Amino acid sequence: MGGGFTHFLMPLVFDGIKASGTPAFLAWRWAFFVPASFQVLLTICTMALAQDLPDGNYAALKKSGAMQHGSAWGTWKAAVTNYRTWVMMLTYGYCFGVELTVDNVLPQYMYDNFQLDLHIAGLLAAIFGMMNLFSRPSGGYISDYVARKWGMRGRLYALFIIQMLGGLFCMLLGLTHTNLGATMAILVIFSIFCQQSCGLSFGVVPFVSKRSTGLVSGFVGSGGNVGGAVTQALFFTYLPLATYNGFLWMGVMTMGVTMLYLAMYFPMWGGCFAKAKEGVSEEDYYLAEWTPEERAQVGGWCLLYHLF
């Protein structure tokens, strides 16, 4: 969403500064002070006003005894030794990472490929990012909806299908490079599937680990940024490809990486091709992240606070 507003607003900020008499080679530099100022303000507001956790602040929770200290190494180990963390991290690199890449290259592509005015190119490119207003939340809604009927297997199937469609329409975006109307139609559909898969991803992430939910979420989120950087460097910087061919091969890569979802399996719920393992409960899966000594130390708190 922010990427869409950026493509729409930053050319206007640049023009406003240039209109005041500032040379263009300085105006674009001064323009960056506008978003930077908002980032500083947001940081100050977050530090001053935000709560540490949904249940309260760290100091109050520790004082009341509601928050206990576990082993930091155990928390780290529970995340990095769970292969599902790495599957979600890699695949998120080809939904959110693709979104970041498209946000970065689309305005220049629209400007160069269709010889549009800079403001029009930015406005059309902004449509992709601004679709997040409903596309990403709708992905989360779809994940919850299918889970009510088919559980975790429904979440995984929906994520697999929608991210594969995102890869397919990314390929089609590259194939329609001679027609602006077709490009815009494909771009809108592509943005829906790409951004829905981001929401669907975080319909699965919280179930990977209860002990290390925050750490797993951080790994997966970083996978999006790394995937975006690697993809842009590979298909739009170092390889001698036209931008439209970059979209084509990025779509191919997306569909290939999305196949990793087929390897996701939760013993208490099953996976895409396998049913749940008989006799395994959610408590069995999540308590396995704790050593017997840690379970004895924290007692029922481990089950009540960390699992539920």
Protein backbone atom coordinates (compact mmCIF):
# COMPACT_ATOMS: atom_id res chain seq x y z
CA MET A 1 0.00 0.00 0.00
CA GLY A 2 2.80 2.40 0.92
CA GLY A 3 4.56 1.65 -2.35
CA GLY A 4 1.46 2.71 -4.28
CA PHE A 5 1.16 6.02 -2.43
CA THR A 6 4.88 6.60 -2.90
CA HIS A 7 4.67 6.23 -6.68
CA PHE A 8 1.73 8.63 -6.72
CA LEU A 9 2.99 11.30 -4.30
CA MET A 10 6.76 11.49 -4.74
CA PRO A 11 6.67 12.90 -8.31
CA LEU A 12 4.35 15.63 -6.99
CA VAL A 13 6.72 16.38 -4.11
CA PHE A 14 9.63 16.54 -6.55
CA ASP A 15 7.75 18.91 -8.85
CA GLY A 16 6.74 21.11 -5.93
CA ILE A 17 10.33 21.49 -4.77
CA LYS A 18 11.57 22.09 -8.31
CA ALA A 19 8.87 24.72 -8.86
CA SER A 20 10.26 26.68 -5.92
CA GLY A 21 13.41 27.31 -7.93
CA THR A 22 15.54 24.37 -6.78
CA PRO A 23 17.50 22.70 -9.60
CA ALA A 24 16.25 19.23 -10.54
CA PHE A 25 19.49 17.53 -9.49
CA LEU A 26 18.94 18.89 -5.96
CA ALA A 27 15.13 18.71 -5.89
CA TRP A 28 15.03 14.91 -5.98
CA ARG A 29 17.46 14.79 -3.06
CA TRP A 30 15.41 17.23 -0.96
CA ALA A 31 12.29 15.21 -1.80
CA PHE A 32 13.62 12.32 0.28
CA PHE A 33 13.48 14.44 3.41
CA VAL A 34 9.67 14.24 3.28
CA PRO A 35 9.30 10.44 3.79
CA ALA A 36 12.36 10.45 6.09
CA SER A 37 10.64 12.98 8.38
CA PHE A 38 7.54 10.80 8.58
CA GLN A 39 9.67 7.76 9.41
CA VAL A 40 11.36 9.60 12.29
CA LEU A 41 7.98 10.80 13.59
CA LEU A 42 6.51 7.30 13.37
CA THR A 43 9.49 5.85 15.25
CA ILE A 44 9.07 8.37 18.07
CA CYS A 45 5.32 7.70 18.29
CA THR A 46 5.88 3.93 18.35
CA MET A 47 8.46 4.15 21.14
CA ALA A 48 6.34 6.56 23.17
CA LEU A 49 2.83 5.21 22.68
CA ALA A 50 2.92 1.53 21.66
CA GLN A 51 2.46 -1.43 24.00
CA ASP A 52 5.17 -4.10 24.06
CA LEU A 53 2.82 -7.10 23.73
CA PRO A 54 -0.93 -7.65 23.26
CA ASP A 55 -1.08 -8.68 26.93
CA GLY A 56 0.76 -5.59 28.23
CA ASN A 57 4.24 -4.18 28.69
CA TYR A 58 7.25 -6.33 29.56
CA ALA A 59 7.88 -4.71 32.94
CA ALA A 60 4.30 -5.16 34.15
CA LEU A 61 4.07 -8.74 32.90
CA LYS A 62 7.34 -9.74 34.57
CA LYS A 63 6.31 -8.06 37.82
CA SER A 64 2.97 -9.88 37.89
CA GLY A 65 4.59 -13.23 37.06
CA ALA A 66 2.61 -13.64 33.85
CA MET A 67 5.80 -13.58 31.79
CA GLN A 68 8.54 -16.10 32.51
CA HIS A 69 12.03 -16.37 31.12
CA GLY A 70 12.80 -19.39 28.97
CA SER A 71 16.10 -20.22 27.36
CA ALA A 72 16.95 -17.76 24.61
CA TRP A 73 18.87 -20.51 22.82
CA GLY A 74 15.83 -22.77 23.07
CA THR A 75 13.65 -20.12 21.47
CA TRP A 76 16.18 -19.64 18.67
CA LYS A 77 16.60 -23.37 18.18
CA ALA A 78 12.85 -23.97 17.95
CA ALA A 79 12.71 -21.56 15.01
CA VAL A 80 15.84 -22.43 13.04
CA THR A 81 15.55 -26.22 13.35
CA ASN A 82 11.95 -26.23 12.11
CA TYR A 83 12.07 -26.72 8.34
CA ARG A 84 8.69 -25.00 8.01
CA THR A 85 10.38 -21.73 9.01
CA TRP A 86 12.69 -21.96 6.00
CA VAL A 87 9.96 -23.04 3.59
CA MET A 88 7.83 -20.05 4.58
CA MET A 89 10.85 -17.75 4.43
CA LEU A 90 11.79 -18.84 0.90
CA THR A 91 8.24 -18.76 -0.45
CA TYR A 92 7.50 -15.37 1.10
CA GLY A 93 10.46 -14.11 -0.89
CA TYR A 94 8.39 -14.87 -4.00
CA CYS A 95 5.16 -13.19 -2.96
CA PHE A 96 6.17 -10.15 -0.91
CA GLY A 97 9.61 -10.14 -2.53
CA VAL A 98 7.98 -10.07 -5.96
CA GLU A 99 5.73 -7.25 -4.80
CA LEU A 100 8.76 -5.19 -3.71
CA THR A 101 10.51 -5.86 -7.00
CA VAL A 102 7.49 -4.81 -9.05
CA ASP A 103 7.09 -1.65 -6.94
CA ASN A 104 10.71 -0.78 -7.71
CA VAL A 105 10.81 -1.43 -11.46
CA LEU A 106 7.24 -0.75 -12.60
CA PRO A 107 7.27 3.07 -12.84
CA GLN A 108 10.42 3.07 -14.99
CA TYR A 109 9.00 0.21 -17.07
CA MET A 110 5.75 2.11 -17.73
CA TYR A 111 7.72 5.26 -18.58
CA ASP A 112 10.21 3.58 -20.93
CA ASN A 113 8.09 0.84 -22.50
CA PHE A 114 4.98 2.90 -23.26
CA GLN A 115 6.60 6.38 -23.53
CA LEU A 116 4.26 7.82 -20.90
CA ASP A 117 4.56 11.10 -19.04
CA LEU A 118 6.39 10.65 -15.72
CA HIS A 119 3.32 11.48 -13.65
CA ILE A 120 1.07 9.14 -15.64
CA ALA A 121 3.64 6.34 -15.37
CA GLY A 122 3.81 6.85 -11.60
CA LEU A 123 0.03 6.95 -11.29
CA LEU A 124 -0.47 3.73 -13.25
CA ALA A 125 2.33 2.00 -11.34
CA ALA A 126 0.75 3.14 -8.06
CA ILE A 127 -2.31 0.99 -8.82
CA PHE A 128 -0.25 -2.14 -8.12
CA GLY A 129 0.74 -1.09 -4.61
CA MET A 130 -2.57 0.51 -3.67
CA MET A 131 -4.41 -2.73 -4.40
CA ASN A 132 -3.02 -3.84 -1.02
CA LEU A 133 -5.87 -1.93 0.60
CA PHE A 134 -8.10 -4.96 0.07
CA SER A 135 -5.94 -7.63 -1.61
CA ARG A 136 -3.71 -8.51 1.34
CA PRO A 137 -6.52 -8.53 3.97
CA SER A 138 -8.64 -10.62 1.60
CA GLY A 139 -5.81 -13.18 1.56
CA GLY A 140 -6.02 -13.43 5.34
CA TYR A 141 -9.80 -13.75 5.12
CA ILE A 142 -9.52 -16.55 2.56
CA SER A 143 -7.06 -18.38 4.82
CA ASP A 144 -9.43 -18.19 7.79
CA TYR A 145 -12.43 -19.12 5.66
CA VAL A 146 -10.92 -22.29 4.21
CA ALA A 147 -9.52 -23.21 7.64
CA ARG A 148 -13.04 -23.33 9.06
CA LYS A 149 -13.91 -26.01 6.51
CA TRP A 150 -10.66 -27.87 5.87
CA GLY A 151 -8.27 -26.84 8.63
CA MET A 152 -4.57 -26.33 8.01
CA ARG A 153 -4.71 -28.35 4.80
CA GLY A 154 -7.17 -25.81 3.43
CA ARG A 155 -4.81 -22.96 4.34
CA LEU A 156 -1.91 -24.64 2.55
CA TYR A 157 -3.91 -25.49 -0.57
CA ALA A 158 -5.29 -21.95 -0.83
CA LEU A 159 -1.82 -20.46 -0.40
CA PHE A 160 -0.34 -22.79 -3.00
CA ILE A 161 -3.05 -22.15 -5.60
CA ILE A 162 -3.14 -18.36 -5.21
CA GLN A 163 0.64 -17.92 -5.22
CA MET A 164 0.88 -20.12 -8.32
CA LEU A 165 -1.70 -17.88 -10.00
CA GLY A 166 0.39 -14.88 -8.97
CA GLY A 167 3.38 -16.41 -10.75
CA LEU A 168 1.29 -17.16 -13.82
CA PHE A 169 0.02 -13.58 -14.12
CA CYS A 170 3.52 -12.26 -13.54
CA MET A 171 4.55 -14.22 -16.64
CA LEU A 172 1.56 -12.83 -18.55
CA LEU A 173 2.60 -9.31 -17.54
CA GLY A 174 5.82 -9.84 -19.45
CA LEU A 175 4.00 -11.28 -22.46
CA THR A 176 1.63 -8.31 -22.86
CA HIS A 177 4.36 -5.68 -23.10
CA THR A 178 3.15 -4.35 -26.48
CA ASN A 179 -0.32 -3.35 -25.28
CA LEU A 180 -0.90 -0.87 -22.44
CA GLY A 181 -4.54 -1.86 -21.90
CA ALA A 182 -3.71 -5.55 -21.64
CA THR A 183 -0.77 -4.75 -19.37
CA MET A 184 -2.99 -2.81 -16.95
CA ALA A 185 -5.65 -5.53 -16.89
CA ILE A 186 -3.05 -8.22 -16.17
CA LEU A 187 -1.33 -5.96 -13.63
CA VAL A 188 -4.51 -5.58 -11.57
CA ILE A 189 -5.18 -9.35 -11.53
CA PHE A 190 -1.50 -10.06 -10.81
CA SER A 191 -1.51 -7.62 -7.90
CA ILE A 192 -4.55 -9.31 -6.35
CA PHE A 193 -3.02 -12.80 -6.37
CA CYS A 194 0.47 -11.61 -5.40
CA GLN A 195 -0.77 -9.62 -2.42
CA GLN A 196 -3.36 -12.19 -1.36
CA SER A 197 -0.57 -14.75 -1.11
CA CYS A 198 1.18 -12.42 1.35
CA GLY A 199 -1.91 -12.40 3.57
CA LEU A 200 -2.34 -16.15 3.17
CA SER A 201 1.29 -16.70 4.20
CA PHE A 202 0.68 -15.11 7.57
CA GLY A 203 -2.38 -17.28 7.96
CA VAL A 204 0.10 -20.16 8.27
CA VAL A 205 3.12 -18.56 9.96
CA PRO A 206 1.67 -18.31 13.52
CA PHE A 207 1.11 -22.08 13.57
CA VAL A 208 4.71 -22.99 12.74
CA SER A 209 5.91 -22.41 16.31
CA LYS A 210 4.25 -21.22 19.49
CA ARG A 211 7.47 -20.79 21.42
CA SER A 212 9.16 -18.81 18.65
CA THR A 213 6.22 -17.11 16.91
CA GLY A 214 7.92 -13.72 16.82
CA LEU A 215 11.24 -15.14 15.62
CA VAL A 216 9.59 -17.18 12.87
CA SER A 217 7.59 -14.14 11.79
CA GLY A 218 10.83 -12.14 11.64
CA PHE A 219 12.56 -14.78 9.53
CA VAL A 220 9.63 -14.99 7.13
CA GLY A 221 9.33 -11.21 6.86
CA SER A 222 13.06 -10.90 6.16
CA GLY A 223 12.66 -13.53 3.45
CA GLY A 224 10.40 -11.09 1.61
CA ASN A 225 13.05 -8.37 1.64
CA VAL A 226 15.87 -10.73 0.70
CA GLY A 227 13.76 -12.29 -2.04
CA GLY A 228 13.00 -8.86 -3.45
CA ALA A 229 16.65 -7.83 -3.44
CA VAL A 230 17.86 -11.08 -5.02
CA THR A 231 15.10 -11.14 -7.63
CA GLN A 232 15.65 -7.53 -8.68
CA ALA A 233 19.41 -8.07 -8.90
CA LEU A 234 19.00 -11.29 -10.86
CA PHE A 235 16.30 -10.43 -13.40
CA PHE A 236 16.43 -6.64 -13.60
CA THR A 237 20.06 -5.68 -12.96
CA TYR A 238 22.75 -8.20 -13.80
CA LEU A 239 21.21 -10.49 -16.41
CA PRO A 240 20.96 -8.97 -19.92
CA LEU A 241 17.17 -9.15 -20.03
CA ALA A 242 14.60 -6.64 -21.19
CA THR A 243 12.30 -5.66 -18.32
CA TYR A 244 9.34 -7.53 -19.78
CA ASN A 245 11.46 -10.68 -19.99
CA GLY A 246 12.43 -10.08 -16.37
CA PHE A 247 8.73 -10.24 -15.45
CA LEU A 248 8.38 -13.45 -17.45
CA TRP A 249 11.25 -15.22 -15.70
CA MET A 250 10.30 -13.85 -12.30
CA GLY A 251 6.92 -15.52 -12.80
CA VAL A 252 8.62 -18.80 -13.68
CA MET A 253 10.78 -18.55 -10.56
CA THR A 254 7.72 -17.77 -8.43
CA MET A 255 5.89 -20.87 -9.61
CA GLY A 256 8.97 -23.03 -9.04
CA VAL A 257 9.56 -21.81 -5.47
CA THR A 258 5.83 -22.09 -4.67
CA MET A 259 6.12 -25.85 -5.16
CA LEU A 260 7.85 -25.94 -1.75
CA TYR A 261 4.44 -25.56 -0.09
CA LEU A 262 3.74 -29.14 -1.09
CA ALA A 263 6.43 -30.22 1.39
CA MET A 264 4.72 -28.49 4.34
CA TYR A 265 3.35 -31.00 6.84
CA PHE A 266 1.99 -30.62 10.36
CA PRO A 267 1.67 -34.03 12.07
CA MET A 268 -1.49 -33.03 13.97
CA TRP A 269 -3.21 -31.51 10.91
CA GLY A 270 -1.60 -33.00 7.82
CA GLY A 271 -0.34 -31.37 4.64
CA CYS A 272 -1.27 -31.02 0.99
CA PHE A 273 -0.80 -34.71 0.22
CA ALA A 274 -0.93 -36.37 3.64
CA LYS A 275 -3.48 -36.61 6.40
CA ALA A 276 -2.76 -35.97 10.07
CA LYS A 277 -0.70 -38.51 11.97
CA GLU A 278 -2.97 -40.50 14.23
CA GLY A 279 -2.48 -39.89 17.94
CA VAL A 280 -0.53 -36.62 17.61
CA SER A 281 -2.13 -33.57 19.23
CA GLU A 282 -1.37 -29.86 19.06
CA GLU A 283 0.04 -30.04 22.59
CA ASP A 284 2.45 -32.80 21.51
CA TYR A 285 3.72 -30.73 18.61
CA TYR A 286 4.18 -27.47 20.48
CA LEU A 287 5.44 -28.89 23.79
CA ALA A 288 8.21 -30.66 21.85
CA GLU A 289 9.80 -27.20 21.49
CA TRP A 290 10.53 -27.23 25.22
CA THR A 291 12.96 -29.49 27.07
CA PRO A 292 11.61 -31.62 29.95
CA GLU A 293 13.56 -29.41 32.37
CA GLU A 294 11.93 -26.24 31.01
CA ARG A 295 8.49 -27.80 31.21
CA ALA A 296 9.06 -28.76 34.81
CA GLN A 297 10.40 -25.30 35.64
CA VAL A 298 7.48 -23.32 34.25
CA GLY A 299 4.80 -25.94 34.84
CA GLY A 300 1.32 -25.14 33.58
CA TRP A 301 2.36 -21.64 32.49
CA CYS A 302 4.15 -23.14 29.50
CA LEU A 303 0.96 -24.79 28.28
CA LEU A 304 -1.49 -21.99 29.09
CA TYR A 305 0.57 -18.94 28.17
CA HIS A 306 2.67 -20.16 25.25
CA LEU A 307 0.27 -22.55 23.59
CA PHE A 308 -2.98 -20.71 24.07
